[in-house]
Every structure is written in C-alpha cells, then in structure tokens.
Amino acid sequence: MCGIRSNAGNCYRAGQFCRKADLGRTTTDAEGRAITCGMESGRPHWHY
C-alpha cells in the first residue's frame, strides 16, 4: 500500500525520521493516509 518504504522494507508512520533524499516527497502510511517528508526541529520527519 505504501509507496516509499524504509530500508528494512516497512511502511513509514507520521513522526518517524525520513531520509534526506525523501525531503518534499509524499507517500502513504500503512493505513493509507498521506504523509510528507519535511524538516521538523532541524531533522527530516514524516508528517500529515
């Protein structure tokens, strides 16, 4: 269901760290909700 997966092959959840290469990209979490990789407190995180 999710398009972008972690290096381990898992779906991401909002609040998790994301790779700098994914900054600005949007995917879906395991429940199908859209999440976007953006900077939060100086580090890249997935958020709704």
N, C-alpha and C. Protein backbone atom coordinates (compact mmCIF):
# COMPACT_ATOMS: atom_id res chain seq x y z
N MET A 1 0.83 -1.20 0.00
CA MET A 1 0.00 0.00 0.00
C MET A 1 0.87 1.26 0.00
N CYS A 2 1.92 1.29 0.82
CA CYS A 2 2.76 2.49 0.88
C CYS A 2 3.76 2.47 -0.29
N GLY A 3 4.03 3.64 -0.83
CA GLY A 3 4.93 3.74 -1.98
C GLY A 3 6.39 3.80 -1.58
N ILE A 4 6.70 4.64 -0.61
CA ILE A 4 8.08 4.77 -0.13
C ILE A 4 8.21 3.92 1.12
N ARG A 5 9.22 3.07 1.14
CA ARG A 5 9.43 2.17 2.28
C ARG A 5 10.79 2.44 2.91
N SER A 6 10.90 2.06 4.17
CA SER A 6 12.18 2.19 4.88
C SER A 6 13.19 1.21 4.27
N ASN A 7 14.45 1.35 4.64
CA ASN A 7 15.48 0.43 4.15
C ASN A 7 15.16 -1.01 4.54
N ALA A 8 14.42 -1.19 5.62
CA ALA A 8 14.03 -2.54 6.07
C ALA A 8 12.79 -3.05 5.34
N GLY A 9 12.18 -2.20 4.49
CA GLY A 9 11.01 -2.62 3.72
C GLY A 9 9.68 -2.33 4.38
N ASN A 10 9.68 -1.57 5.47
CA ASN A 10 8.44 -1.26 6.20
C ASN A 10 7.83 0.06 5.74
N CYS A 11 6.51 0.18 5.93
CA CYS A 11 5.82 1.45 5.68
C CYS A 11 6.21 2.44 6.78
N TYR A 12 6.27 3.70 6.44
CA TYR A 12 6.55 4.74 7.44
C TYR A 12 5.28 5.16 8.14
N ARG A 13 5.44 5.76 9.33
CA ARG A 13 4.35 6.37 10.08
C ARG A 13 4.70 7.83 10.33
N ALA A 14 3.69 8.66 10.49
CA ALA A 14 3.92 10.06 10.83
C ALA A 14 4.73 10.12 12.12
N GLY A 15 5.70 11.02 12.18
CA GLY A 15 6.55 11.19 13.35
C GLY A 15 7.88 10.49 13.24
N GLN A 16 7.98 9.51 12.33
CA GLN A 16 9.25 8.82 12.16
C GLN A 16 10.21 9.68 11.36
N PHE A 17 11.50 9.43 11.54
CA PHE A 17 12.50 10.11 10.74
C PHE A 17 12.39 9.63 9.29
N CYS A 18 12.71 10.51 8.36
CA CYS A 18 12.76 10.12 6.95
C CYS A 18 14.15 10.47 6.41
N ARG A 19 14.48 9.86 5.29
CA ARG A 19 15.78 10.10 4.66
C ARG A 19 15.82 11.48 4.02
N LYS A 20 16.98 12.12 4.05
CA LYS A 20 17.11 13.43 3.42
C LYS A 20 16.75 13.36 1.94
N ALA A 21 17.01 12.22 1.31
CA ALA A 21 16.67 12.05 -0.11
C ALA A 21 15.16 12.09 -0.35
N ASP A 22 14.36 11.86 0.72
CA ASP A 22 12.90 11.87 0.59
C ASP A 22 12.27 13.21 0.93
N LEU A 23 13.07 14.22 1.29
CA LEU A 23 12.51 15.54 1.64
C LEU A 23 11.61 16.05 0.53
N GLY A 24 10.41 16.49 0.92
CA GLY A 24 9.44 17.03 -0.02
C GLY A 24 8.59 15.98 -0.71
N ARG A 25 8.91 14.72 -0.54
CA ARG A 25 8.14 13.65 -1.17
C ARG A 25 6.95 13.26 -0.29
N THR A 26 5.91 12.76 -0.93
CA THR A 26 4.71 12.32 -0.23
C THR A 26 4.48 10.85 -0.54
N THR A 27 4.05 10.11 0.46
CA THR A 27 3.69 8.69 0.32
C THR A 27 2.49 8.44 1.20
N THR A 28 2.12 7.19 1.39
CA THR A 28 1.04 6.86 2.30
C THR A 28 1.57 5.95 3.40
N ASP A 29 0.95 6.04 4.57
CA ASP A 29 1.33 5.15 5.67
C ASP A 29 0.56 3.84 5.50
N ALA A 30 0.71 2.91 6.43
CA ALA A 30 0.08 1.59 6.33
C ALA A 30 -1.44 1.67 6.30
N GLU A 31 -2.02 2.76 6.85
CA GLU A 31 -3.47 2.93 6.85
C GLU A 31 -3.98 3.69 5.63
N GLY A 32 -3.10 4.06 4.72
CA GLY A 32 -3.48 4.75 3.51
C GLY A 32 -3.55 6.27 3.62
N ARG A 33 -3.13 6.83 4.76
CA ARG A 33 -3.13 8.28 4.94
C ARG A 33 -1.88 8.88 4.32
N ALA A 34 -2.03 10.03 3.68
CA ALA A 34 -0.89 10.70 3.05
C ALA A 34 0.04 11.30 4.10
N ILE A 35 1.34 11.08 3.94
CA ILE A 35 2.35 11.68 4.80
C ILE A 35 3.44 12.27 3.90
N THR A 36 4.04 13.36 4.38
CA THR A 36 5.06 14.08 3.61
C THR A 36 6.32 14.19 4.45
N CYS A 37 7.46 14.05 3.81
CA CYS A 37 8.75 14.19 4.49
C CYS A 37 9.13 15.67 4.50
N GLY A 38 9.31 16.23 5.69
CA GLY A 38 9.67 17.63 5.83
C GLY A 38 10.54 17.85 7.05
N MET A 39 11.16 19.00 7.13
CA MET A 39 12.04 19.32 8.25
C MET A 39 11.23 19.68 9.49
N GLU A 40 11.61 19.10 10.61
CA GLU A 40 10.99 19.37 11.90
C GLU A 40 12.11 19.41 12.94
N SER A 41 12.25 20.50 13.61
CA SER A 41 13.32 20.66 14.60
C SER A 41 14.70 20.36 14.01
N GLY A 42 14.89 20.74 12.77
CA GLY A 42 16.19 20.58 12.11
C GLY A 42 16.48 19.19 11.58
N ARG A 43 15.50 18.27 11.67
CA ARG A 43 15.70 16.90 11.17
C ARG A 43 14.51 16.49 10.32
N PRO A 44 14.72 15.67 9.30
CA PRO A 44 13.61 15.26 8.44
C PRO A 44 12.71 14.23 9.12
N HIS A 45 11.39 14.51 9.10
CA HIS A 45 10.39 13.62 9.69
C HIS A 45 9.20 13.49 8.74
N TRP A 46 8.50 12.36 8.85
CA TRP A 46 7.24 12.19 8.14
C TRP A 46 6.14 12.85 8.95
N HIS A 47 5.25 13.57 8.27
CA HIS A 47 4.13 14.22 8.97
C HIS A 47 2.91 14.27 8.05
N TYR A 48 1.72 14.43 8.68
CA TYR A 48 0.46 14.54 7.93
C TYR A 48 0.34 15.89 7.31
